[in-house]
Amino acid sequence: MGEVEKIEAQVESLAAPDLAKFRSWFLEFDARVWDRKIEADSASGKLDKLLSEARSEFSSGKAREL
């Protein structure tokens, strides 16, 4: 059994209160990982093309402010 399968089995065996606690922790963890990835992509210039396209569409009236 691989590591992921072991973790899955452990999560499946959690009691409801522990599962709720784990779920909350994991959502926060996942958000932090996502934020770091977006920050790294932004700093490396990977998002520059998308930003340029969005600004261009906004300037040409194809988009609007939220």
Protein backbone atom coordinates (compact mmCIF):
# COMPACT_ATOMS: atom_id res chain seq x y z
CA MET A 1 0.00 0.00 0.00
CA GLY A 2 1.39 3.40 -0.99
CA GLU A 3 1.59 6.45 1.24
CA VAL A 4 -1.53 8.06 -0.24
CA GLU A 5 -3.57 4.92 0.27
CA LYS A 6 -2.37 4.75 3.90
CA ILE A 7 -3.43 8.34 4.47
CA GLU A 8 -6.78 7.71 2.80
CA ALA A 9 -7.41 4.73 5.08
CA GLN A 10 -6.50 6.78 8.15
CA VAL A 11 -8.80 9.63 7.11
CA GLU A 12 -11.64 7.20 6.45
CA SER A 13 -11.24 5.79 9.95
CA LEU A 14 -11.44 9.16 11.74
CA ALA A 15 -14.32 9.83 14.11
CA ALA A 16 -16.61 12.70 13.05
CA PRO A 17 -15.03 15.33 15.37
CA ASP A 18 -11.52 14.43 14.23
CA LEU A 19 -12.61 14.40 10.59
CA ALA A 20 -14.05 17.90 11.00
CA LYS A 21 -10.80 19.08 12.59
CA PHE A 22 -8.75 17.45 9.81
CA ARG A 23 -10.99 18.94 7.12
CA SER A 24 -10.57 22.42 8.58
CA TRP A 25 -6.80 21.99 8.82
CA PHE A 26 -6.55 20.65 5.28
CA LEU A 27 -8.59 23.51 3.78
CA GLU A 28 -6.27 26.04 5.43
CA PHE A 29 -3.20 24.06 4.37
CA ASP A 30 -4.41 23.81 0.78
CA ALA A 31 -5.13 27.55 0.66
CA ARG A 32 -1.59 28.32 1.88
CA VAL A 33 -0.08 26.02 -0.77
CA TRP A 34 -2.24 27.68 -3.45
CA ASP A 35 -1.26 31.17 -2.29
CA ARG A 36 2.46 30.30 -2.39
CA LYS A 37 2.05 28.86 -5.92
CA ILE A 38 0.25 31.98 -7.17
CA GLU A 39 2.87 34.23 -5.56
CA ALA A 40 5.70 32.21 -7.14
CA ASP A 41 4.02 32.23 -10.55
CA SER A 42 3.44 35.97 -10.31
CA ALA A 43 7.03 36.68 -9.24
CA SER A 44 8.40 34.54 -12.07
CA GLY A 45 6.30 36.32 -14.70
CA LYS A 46 4.12 33.31 -15.53
CA LEU A 47 0.98 35.40 -15.05
CA ASP A 48 2.15 38.43 -17.03
CA LYS A 49 0.47 37.33 -20.27
CA LEU A 50 -2.86 36.74 -18.54
CA LEU A 51 -2.63 40.08 -16.75
CA SER A 52 -1.87 41.84 -20.02
CA GLU A 53 -4.81 40.16 -21.76
CA ALA A 54 -7.17 41.07 -18.91
CA ARG A 55 -6.05 44.69 -18.95
CA SER A 56 -6.44 44.82 -22.73
CA GLU A 57 -9.96 43.38 -22.59
CA PHE A 58 -10.92 45.79 -19.84
CA SER A 59 -9.55 48.76 -21.81
CA SER A 60 -11.43 47.72 -24.94
CA GLY A 61 -14.72 47.40 -23.05
CA LYS A 62 -14.88 43.58 -23.17
CA ALA A 63 -14.78 43.37 -19.38
CA ARG A 64 -15.95 45.42 -16.46
CA GLU A 65 -14.94 46.04 -12.89
CA LEU A 66 -16.46 43.76 -10.30
